[in-house]
Amino acid sequence: MILTIDVGNTAVGVAIFDDDKIVFRNKLLTPVEVTEKYLKSLIKRKLLSVGDKIIVSSVVPLIDNQIKTTLEKLFKITPVFVNYKMKTGFDIKIDKPEELGADLIAGAAGGLYFYKPPFIIVDSGTAITVCGMDKDYNFVGGSIFPGIEMSIQGLSNNTAKLDRINFKIPNVIIGKNTNDSIRSGIFYSCIGGIGHIISEYKKILGNNTKVIATGGLSRFFKNRIKEIDLFQPDLLFYGLKELLDKND
């Protein structure tokens, strides 16, 4: 079996593969300090046997060493950390490849598991990222803008009269009170922004470009953005497995 770990700014997700099938998945809030207790709570099952493999995608470098040493202690296995120098199956055609997030590398590798390029990946989490791969297997770059929760927090932090609200999908686009107006404005601006970016990307990558949606908040956009061809919340984990296979 293979243990795949995605360390994000908000949460840490895990998925365990048995061959090509995910047999276990879980998610916990990203900790300040990674401990054995935390990892055992995250995995919620017996330790993997010797001979299994671990791969980690992390965008929180401050805890990378803690993750590495704790995993080594628990599993007696040195985990592979995703980086731009590893074999990916595609070329990274951006100004500074070393700045490309491990999550975006893994997501792009996951895209190749489901489609031949060109394709566009929309990842909705703390931030919303849109990135593209052209028909020649070149990762050509992307767009980043605030996600739903970040937008709500930004409004609350910078306006004296607005309290923090809990997000839920608005029933109507025209809000009849402040909270519903905020929910509507943020939700539909995200839908409109994503749709417009996809349209502009297709002008460059081609009208036959597939669109994949992933990330914890992608469920909010399901059936609301007609350009999306595939909703795959486990895209990054499939990408991690693909990267491990390529770098074994």
C-alpha atoms as a PDB file:
ATOM      1  CA  MET A   1       0.000   0.000   0.000  1.00  0.00           C
ATOM      2  CA  ILE A   2       0.968   3.630  -0.521  1.00  0.00           C
ATOM      3  CA  LEU A   3       0.371   6.474   1.920  1.00  0.00           C
ATOM      4  CA  THR A   4      -0.150   9.852   0.255  1.00  0.00           C
ATOM      5  CA  ILE A   5      -0.193  13.039   2.347  1.00  0.00           C
ATOM      6  CA  ASP A   6      -1.260  16.546   1.344  1.00  0.00           C
ATOM      7  CA  VAL A   7      -0.149  19.262   3.774  1.00  0.00           C
ATOM      8  CA  GLY A   8      -2.110  22.442   3.142  1.00  0.00           C
ATOM      9  CA  ASN A   9      -2.303  25.774   4.917  1.00  0.00           C
ATOM     10  CA  THR A  10      -5.658  24.885   6.479  1.00  0.00           C
ATOM     11  CA  ALA A  11      -5.752  21.083   6.625  1.00  0.00           C
ATOM     12  CA  VAL A  12      -3.688  17.928   6.183  1.00  0.00           C
ATOM     13  CA  GLY A  13      -5.315  15.211   4.084  1.00  0.00           C
ATOM     14  CA  VAL A  14      -4.272  11.593   3.680  1.00  0.00           C
ATOM     15  CA  ALA A  15      -5.277   8.838   1.297  1.00  0.00           C
ATOM     16  CA  ILE A  16      -4.051   5.245   1.351  1.00  0.00           C
ATOM     17  CA  PHE A  17      -3.896   3.342  -1.926  1.00  0.00           C
ATOM     18  CA  ASP A  18      -4.118  -0.404  -2.386  1.00  0.00           C
ATOM     19  CA  ASP A  19      -2.975  -0.702  -5.998  1.00  0.00           C
ATOM     20  CA  ASP A  20      -5.028   1.987  -7.807  1.00  0.00           C
ATOM     21  CA  LYS A  21      -7.870   2.088  -5.298  1.00  0.00           C
ATOM     22  CA  ILE A  22      -8.172   4.498  -2.388  1.00  0.00           C
ATOM     23  CA  VAL A  23      -9.067   2.382   0.639  1.00  0.00           C
ATOM     24  CA  PHE A  24      -8.846   5.078   3.305  1.00  0.00           C
ATOM     25  CA  ARG A  25      -8.965   8.870   3.464  1.00  0.00           C
ATOM     26  CA  ASN A  26      -9.061  11.413   6.255  1.00  0.00           C
ATOM     27  CA  LYS A  27      -8.385  15.093   6.967  1.00  0.00           C
ATOM     28  CA  LEU A  28      -7.450  17.120  10.055  1.00  0.00           C
ATOM     29  CA  LEU A  29      -6.588  20.765  10.624  1.00  0.00           C
ATOM     30  CA  THR A  30      -2.934  21.606   9.949  1.00  0.00           C
ATOM     31  CA  PRO A  31      -1.079  21.532  13.280  1.00  0.00           C
ATOM     32  CA  VAL A  32       1.529  23.937  14.593  1.00  0.00           C
ATOM     33  CA  GLU A  33       3.595  20.904  15.581  1.00  0.00           C
ATOM     34  CA  VAL A  34       3.484  17.428  14.029  1.00  0.00           C
ATOM     35  CA  THR A  35       3.556  14.650  16.632  1.00  0.00           C
ATOM     36  CA  GLU A  36       3.148  10.873  16.634  1.00  0.00           C
ATOM     37  CA  LYS A  37      -0.252  11.320  18.266  1.00  0.00           C
ATOM     38  CA  TYR A  38      -1.348  13.666  15.480  1.00  0.00           C
ATOM     39  CA  LEU A  39      -0.280  11.287  12.700  1.00  0.00           C
ATOM     40  CA  LYS A  40      -1.902   8.304  14.400  1.00  0.00           C
ATOM     41  CA  SER A  41      -5.136  10.302  14.700  1.00  0.00           C
ATOM     42  CA  LEU A  42      -4.857  11.265  11.048  1.00  0.00           C
ATOM     43  CA  ILE A  43      -4.374   7.711   9.811  1.00  0.00           C
ATOM     44  CA  LYS A  44      -6.727   5.980  12.280  1.00  0.00           C
ATOM     45  CA  ARG A  45      -5.463   2.523  11.474  1.00  0.00           C
ATOM     46  CA  LYS A  46      -2.595   0.127  11.980  1.00  0.00           C
ATOM     47  CA  LEU A  47       0.813   1.322  10.911  1.00  0.00           C
ATOM     48  CA  LEU A  48       1.782   0.446   7.379  1.00  0.00           C
ATOM     49  CA  SER A  49       4.063  -2.531   7.035  1.00  0.00           C
ATOM     50  CA  VAL A  50       7.721  -2.224   6.081  1.00  0.00           C
ATOM     51  CA  GLY A  51       8.090  -2.061   2.318  1.00  0.00           C
ATOM     52  CA  ASP A  52       5.224   0.355   1.755  1.00  0.00           C
ATOM     53  CA  LYS A  53       5.852   3.861   0.455  1.00  0.00           C
ATOM     54  CA  ILE A  54       5.007   7.388   1.531  1.00  0.00           C
ATOM     55  CA  ILE A  55       4.855  10.573  -0.517  1.00  0.00           C
ATOM     56  CA  VAL A  56       4.127  14.065   0.792  1.00  0.00           C
ATOM     57  CA  SER A  57       2.980  17.253  -0.894  1.00  0.00           C
ATOM     58  CA  SER A  58       3.501  20.221   1.421  1.00  0.00           C
ATOM     59  CA  VAL A  59       3.016  23.961   1.141  1.00  0.00           C
ATOM     60  CA  VAL A  60       3.923  24.497   4.820  1.00  0.00           C
ATOM     61  CA  PRO A  61       7.733  24.203   4.867  1.00  0.00           C
ATOM     62  CA  LEU A  62       7.997  25.079   8.570  1.00  0.00           C
ATOM     63  CA  ILE A  63       6.690  21.630   9.534  1.00  0.00           C
ATOM     64  CA  ASP A  64       8.258  19.568   6.737  1.00  0.00           C
ATOM     65  CA  ASN A  65      11.143  18.351   8.892  1.00  0.00           C
ATOM     66  CA  GLN A  66       8.757  17.408  11.699  1.00  0.00           C
ATOM     67  CA  ILE A  67       6.667  15.410   9.236  1.00  0.00           C
ATOM     68  CA  LYS A  68       9.735  13.647   7.853  1.00  0.00           C
ATOM     69  CA  THR A  69      11.223  12.649  11.196  1.00  0.00           C
ATOM     70  CA  THR A  70       7.876  11.599  12.689  1.00  0.00           C
ATOM     71  CA  LEU A  71       7.002   9.468   9.662  1.00  0.00           C
ATOM     72  CA  GLU A  72      10.437   7.855   9.752  1.00  0.00           C
ATOM     73  CA  LYS A  73       9.986   7.045  13.434  1.00  0.00           C
ATOM     74  CA  LEU A  74       6.500   5.579  12.972  1.00  0.00           C
ATOM     75  CA  PHE A  75       6.942   3.686   9.723  1.00  0.00           C
ATOM     76  CA  LYS A  76      10.709   3.203   9.376  1.00  0.00           C
ATOM     77  CA  ILE A  77      10.290   4.667   5.884  1.00  0.00           C
ATOM     78  CA  THR A  78      11.787   7.891   4.515  1.00  0.00           C
ATOM     79  CA  PRO A  79       8.979   9.793   2.760  1.00  0.00           C
ATOM     80  CA  VAL A  80       9.373  11.314  -0.684  1.00  0.00           C
ATOM     81  CA  PHE A  81       8.599  15.047  -0.774  1.00  0.00           C
ATOM     82  CA  VAL A  82       7.237  16.502  -4.002  1.00  0.00           C
ATOM     83  CA  ASN A  83       9.519  19.045  -5.674  1.00  0.00           C
ATOM     84  CA  TYR A  84       9.932  20.593  -9.097  1.00  0.00           C
ATOM     85  CA  LYS A  85      13.097  18.596  -9.872  1.00  0.00           C
ATOM     86  CA  MET A  86      11.447  15.167  -9.717  1.00  0.00           C
ATOM     87  CA  LYS A  87      10.117  13.237 -12.717  1.00  0.00           C
ATOM     88  CA  THR A  88       6.587  14.451 -13.359  1.00  0.00           C
ATOM     89  CA  GLY A  89       5.641  13.464 -16.913  1.00  0.00           C
ATOM     90  CA  PHE A  90       5.393  17.122 -17.929  1.00  0.00           C
ATOM     91  CA  ASP A  91       7.614  20.197 -18.319  1.00  0.00           C
ATOM     92  CA  ILE A  92       7.222  23.206 -16.039  1.00  0.00           C
ATOM     93  CA  LYS A  93       7.260  26.257 -18.294  1.00  0.00           C
ATOM     94  CA  ILE A  94       7.115  29.136 -15.821  1.00  0.00           C
ATOM     95  CA  ASP A  95       9.651  31.835 -14.931  1.00  0.00           C
ATOM     96  CA  LYS A  96      10.815  30.219 -11.676  1.00  0.00           C
ATOM     97  CA  PRO A  97       9.920  26.501 -11.496  1.00  0.00           C
ATOM     98  CA  GLU A  98      11.232  26.355  -7.929  1.00  0.00           C
ATOM     99  CA  GLU A  99       8.336  28.595  -6.868  1.00  0.00           C
ATOM    100  CA  LEU A 100       5.657  26.207  -8.107  1.00  0.00           C
ATOM    101  CA  GLY A 101       3.770  24.742  -5.153  1.00  0.00           C
ATOM    102  CA  ALA A 102       4.007  21.026  -4.490  1.00  0.00           C
ATOM    103  CA  ASP A 103       0.208  20.878  -4.493  1.00  0.00           C
ATOM    104  CA  LEU A 104       0.063  22.268  -8.033  1.00  0.00           C
ATOM    105  CA  ILE A 105       2.707  19.785  -9.220  1.00  0.00           C
ATOM    106  CA  ALA A 106       0.744  16.922  -7.698  1.00  0.00           C
ATOM    107  CA  GLY A 107      -2.525  18.240  -9.090  1.00  0.00           C
ATOM    108  CA  ALA A 108      -1.065  18.464 -12.591  1.00  0.00           C
ATOM    109  CA  ALA A 109       0.216  14.887 -12.296  1.00  0.00           C
ATOM    110  CA  GLY A 110      -3.271  13.892 -11.174  1.00  0.00           C
ATOM    111  CA  GLY A 111      -4.722  15.562 -14.245  1.00  0.00           C
ATOM    112  CA  LEU A 112      -2.585  13.267 -16.411  1.00  0.00           C
ATOM    113  CA  TYR A 113      -4.087  10.262 -14.618  1.00  0.00           C
ATOM    114  CA  PHE A 114      -7.533  11.181 -15.941  1.00  0.00           C
ATOM    115  CA  TYR A 115      -6.922  13.030 -19.226  1.00  0.00           C
ATOM    116  CA  LYS A 116      -4.427  13.615 -21.969  1.00  0.00           C
ATOM    117  CA  PRO A 117      -3.655  17.337 -22.169  1.00  0.00           C
ATOM    118  CA  PRO A 118      -4.653  19.995 -22.825  1.00  0.00           C
ATOM    119  CA  PHE A 119      -6.519  20.466 -19.574  1.00  0.00           C
ATOM    120  CA  ILE A 120      -7.272  23.078 -16.941  1.00  0.00           C
ATOM    121  CA  ILE A 121      -7.357  22.381 -13.201  1.00  0.00           C
ATOM    122  CA  VAL A 122      -9.478  24.472 -10.845  1.00  0.00           C
ATOM    123  CA  ASP A 123      -8.494  23.871  -7.215  1.00  0.00           C
ATOM    124  CA  SER A 124     -10.828  25.467  -4.678  1.00  0.00           C
ATOM    125  CA  GLY A 125      -9.466  25.709  -1.159  1.00  0.00           C
ATOM    126  CA  THR A 126      -8.100  28.495   1.022  1.00  0.00           C
ATOM    127  CA  ALA A 127      -7.263  30.146  -2.285  1.00  0.00           C
ATOM    128  CA  ILE A 128      -8.652  29.263  -5.705  1.00  0.00           C
ATOM    129  CA  THR A 129      -6.004  28.313  -8.224  1.00  0.00           C
ATOM    130  CA  VAL A 130      -6.511  27.763 -11.925  1.00  0.00           C
ATOM    131  CA  CYS A 131      -3.664  26.275 -13.931  1.00  0.00           C
ATOM    132  CA  GLY A 132      -3.223  24.896 -17.416  1.00  0.00           C
ATOM    133  CA  MET A 133      -1.302  22.217 -19.289  1.00  0.00           C
ATOM    134  CA  ASP A 134      -1.002  22.437 -23.070  1.00  0.00           C
ATOM    135  CA  LYS A 135      -1.150  19.611 -25.603  1.00  0.00           C
ATOM    136  CA  ASP A 136       2.646  19.263 -25.519  1.00  0.00           C
ATOM    137  CA  TYR A 137       2.656  18.382 -21.796  1.00  0.00           C
ATOM    138  CA  ASN A 138       3.855  21.819 -20.727  1.00  0.00           C
ATOM    139  CA  PHE A 139       2.604  23.229 -17.436  1.00  0.00           C
ATOM    140  CA  VAL A 140       2.135  26.778 -18.708  1.00  0.00           C
ATOM    141  CA  GLY A 141       1.183  28.663 -15.540  1.00  0.00           C
ATOM    142  CA  GLY A 142      -1.856  29.688 -13.605  1.00  0.00           C
ATOM    143  CA  SER A 143      -4.042  32.194 -11.792  1.00  0.00           C
ATOM    144  CA  ILE A 144      -4.608  32.571  -8.053  1.00  0.00           C
ATOM    145  CA  PHE A 145      -7.307  34.490  -6.207  1.00  0.00           C
ATOM    146  CA  PRO A 146      -8.935  34.394  -2.753  1.00  0.00           C
ATOM    147  CA  GLY A 147     -11.239  31.490  -1.956  1.00  0.00           C
ATOM    148  CA  ILE A 148     -14.616  31.705  -0.256  1.00  0.00           C
ATOM    149  CA  GLU A 149     -13.380  31.609   3.337  1.00  0.00           C
ATOM    150  CA  MET A 150     -10.486  33.964   2.642  1.00  0.00           C
ATOM    151  CA  SER A 151     -12.862  36.445   1.010  1.00  0.00           C
ATOM    152  CA  ILE A 152     -15.234  36.318   3.977  1.00  0.00           C
ATOM    153  CA  GLN A 153     -12.344  36.839   6.373  1.00  0.00           C
ATOM    154  CA  GLY A 154     -11.023  39.742   4.313  1.00  0.00           C
ATOM    155  CA  LEU A 155     -14.387  41.509   4.421  1.00  0.00           C
ATOM    156  CA  SER A 156     -14.747  40.959   8.163  1.00  0.00           C
ATOM    157  CA  ASN A 157     -11.221  42.141   8.953  1.00  0.00           C
ATOM    158  CA  ASN A 158     -11.406  45.305   6.889  1.00  0.00           C
ATOM    159  CA  THR A 159     -14.920  46.607   7.495  1.00  0.00           C
ATOM    160  CA  ALA A 160     -15.978  47.861  10.917  1.00  0.00           C
ATOM    161  CA  LYS A 161     -19.686  47.045  10.593  1.00  0.00           C
ATOM    162  CA  LEU A 162     -19.459  43.546   9.113  1.00  0.00           C
ATOM    163  CA  ASP A 163     -19.289  40.557  11.423  1.00  0.00           C
ATOM    164  CA  ARG A 164     -17.737  37.226  10.443  1.00  0.00           C
ATOM    165  CA  ILE A 165     -20.376  34.919   8.937  1.00  0.00           C
ATOM    166  CA  ASN A 166     -20.538  31.204   8.287  1.00  0.00           C
ATOM    167  CA  PHE A 167     -20.746  30.438   4.605  1.00  0.00           C
ATOM    168  CA  LYS A 168     -23.569  28.513   3.013  1.00  0.00           C
ATOM    169  CA  ILE A 169     -24.758  28.513  -0.569  1.00  0.00           C
ATOM    170  CA  PRO A 170     -27.175  31.443  -0.974  1.00  0.00           C
ATOM    171  CA  ASN A 171     -30.717  30.648  -2.090  1.00  0.00           C
ATOM    172  CA  VAL A 172     -30.964  33.753  -4.259  1.00  0.00           C
ATOM    173  CA  ILE A 173     -28.463  36.076  -5.876  1.00  0.00           C
ATOM    174  CA  ILE A 174     -30.104  39.239  -4.484  1.00  0.00           C
ATOM    175  CA  GLY A 175     -29.584  39.174  -0.729  1.00  0.00           C
ATOM    176  CA  LYS A 176     -32.260  40.671   1.528  1.00  0.00           C
ATOM    177  CA  ASN A 177     -29.919  41.113   4.503  1.00  0.00           C
ATOM    178  CA  THR A 178     -26.235  41.802   5.036  1.00  0.00           C
ATOM    179  CA  ASN A 179     -25.176  38.194   5.618  1.00  0.00           C
ATOM    180  CA  ASP A 180     -27.006  36.850   2.568  1.00  0.00           C
ATOM    181  CA  SER A 181     -25.660  39.729   0.470  1.00  0.00           C
ATOM    182  CA  ILE A 182     -22.103  38.810   1.488  1.00  0.00           C
ATOM    183  CA  ARG A 183     -22.711  35.123   0.766  1.00  0.00           C
ATOM    184  CA  SER A 184     -24.216  35.952  -2.610  1.00  0.00           C
ATOM    185  CA  GLY A 185     -21.524  38.406  -3.617  1.00  0.00           C
ATOM    186  CA  ILE A 186     -18.654  36.104  -2.735  1.00  0.00           C
ATOM    187  CA  PHE A 187     -20.238  32.926  -4.116  1.00  0.00           C
ATOM    188  CA  TYR A 188     -21.319  34.313  -7.465  1.00  0.00           C
ATOM    189  CA  SER A 189     -18.144  36.332  -7.951  1.00  0.00           C
ATOM    190  CA  CYS A 190     -16.200  33.078  -7.558  1.00  0.00           C
ATOM    191  CA  ILE A 191     -18.457  31.323 -10.069  1.00  0.00           C
ATOM    192  CA  GLY A 192     -18.190  34.181 -12.527  1.00  0.00           C
ATOM    193  CA  GLY A 193     -14.442  34.553 -12.029  1.00  0.00           C
ATOM    194  CA  ILE A 194     -13.749  30.852 -12.513  1.00  0.00           C
ATOM    195  CA  GLY A 195     -15.973  30.681 -15.595  1.00  0.00           C
ATOM    196  CA  HIS A 196     -14.322  33.714 -17.178  1.00  0.00           C
ATOM    197  CA  ILE A 197     -10.789  32.482 -16.480  1.00  0.00           C
ATOM    198  CA  ILE A 198     -11.622  29.088 -18.004  1.00  0.00           C
ATOM    199  CA  SER A 199     -12.971  30.843 -21.102  1.00  0.00           C
ATOM    200  CA  GLU A 200      -9.780  32.907 -21.470  1.00  0.00           C
ATOM    201  CA  TYR A 201      -7.550  29.852 -20.922  1.00  0.00           C
ATOM    202  CA  LYS A 202      -9.387  27.961 -23.659  1.00  0.00           C
ATOM    203  CA  LYS A 203      -8.581  30.759 -26.098  1.00  0.00           C
ATOM    204  CA  ILE A 204      -4.922  29.844 -25.540  1.00  0.00           C
ATOM    205  CA  LEU A 205      -5.063  26.083 -24.920  1.00  0.00           C
ATOM    206  CA  GLY A 206      -7.881  25.254 -27.341  1.00  0.00           C
ATOM    207  CA  ASN A 207     -11.625  24.762 -27.166  1.00  0.00           C
ATOM    208  CA  ASN A 208     -11.200  20.999 -26.687  1.00  0.00           C
ATOM    209  CA  THR A 209      -9.415  21.594 -23.345  1.00  0.00           C
ATOM    210  CA  LYS A 210     -10.848  19.501 -20.505  1.00  0.00           C
ATOM    211  CA  VAL A 211     -11.576  21.173 -17.160  1.00  0.00           C
ATOM    212  CA  ILE A 212     -11.073  19.375 -13.842  1.00  0.00           C
ATOM    213  CA  ALA A 213     -12.345  20.756 -10.527  1.00  0.00           C
ATOM    214  CA  THR A 214     -10.821  19.654  -7.235  1.00  0.00           C
ATOM    215  CA  GLY A 215     -10.242  20.933  -3.709  1.00  0.00           C
ATOM    216  CA  GLY A 216     -12.315  20.896  -0.552  1.00  0.00           C
ATOM    217  CA  LEU A 217     -14.686  23.652  -1.676  1.00  0.00           C
ATOM    218  CA  SER A 218     -15.240  22.452  -5.241  1.00  0.00           C
ATOM    219  CA  ARG A 219     -18.489  20.837  -4.056  1.00  0.00           C
ATOM    220  CA  PHE A 220     -20.005  24.331  -3.863  1.00  0.00           C
ATOM    221  CA  PHE A 221     -19.505  24.808  -7.605  1.00  0.00           C
ATOM    222  CA  LYS A 222     -20.730  21.408  -8.778  1.00  0.00           C
ATOM    223  CA  ASN A 223     -23.464  21.784 -11.410  1.00  0.00           C
ATOM    224  CA  ARG A 224     -23.033  25.561 -11.298  1.00  0.00           C
ATOM    225  CA  ILE A 225     -20.056  26.008 -13.629  1.00  0.00           C
ATOM    226  CA  LYS A 226     -20.995  24.401 -16.934  1.00  0.00           C
ATOM    227  CA  GLU A 227     -17.448  24.431 -18.294  1.00  0.00           C
ATOM    228  CA  ILE A 228     -16.241  21.839 -15.774  1.00  0.00           C
ATOM    229  CA  ASP A 229     -15.945  18.302 -17.189  1.00  0.00           C
ATOM    230  CA  LEU A 230     -14.847  16.379 -14.101  1.00  0.00           C
ATOM    231  CA  PHE A 231     -15.223  16.911 -10.360  1.00  0.00           C
ATOM    232  CA  GLN A 232     -12.493  14.885  -8.669  1.00  0.00           C
ATOM    233  CA  PRO A 233     -11.847  15.725  -5.001  1.00  0.00           C
ATOM    234  CA  ASP A 234      -9.049  13.121  -4.833  1.00  0.00           C
ATOM    235  CA  LEU A 235      -7.137  14.510  -7.818  1.00  0.00           C
ATOM    236  CA  LEU A 236      -4.072  15.493  -5.793  1.00  0.00           C
ATOM    237  CA  PHE A 237      -3.820  12.060  -4.168  1.00  0.00           C
ATOM    238  CA  TYR A 238      -3.927  10.343  -7.574  1.00  0.00           C
ATOM    239  CA  GLY A 239      -1.210  12.747  -8.653  1.00  0.00           C
ATOM    240  CA  LEU A 240       0.927  11.867  -5.638  1.00  0.00           C
ATOM    241  CA  LYS A 241       0.641   8.179  -6.478  1.00  0.00           C
ATOM    242  CA  GLU A 242       1.589   8.894 -10.098  1.00  0.00           C
ATOM    243  CA  LEU A 243       4.630  10.893  -8.993  1.00  0.00           C
ATOM    244  CA  LEU A 244       5.741   8.130  -6.652  1.00  0.00           C
ATOM    245  CA  ASP A 245       5.405   5.566  -9.456  1.00  0.00           C
ATOM    246  CA  LYS A 246       7.513   7.750 -11.750  1.00  0.00           C
ATOM    247  CA  ASN A 247      10.221   8.324  -9.126  1.00  0.00           C
ATOM    248  CA  ASP A 248      10.404   4.836  -7.656  1.00  0.00           C
END
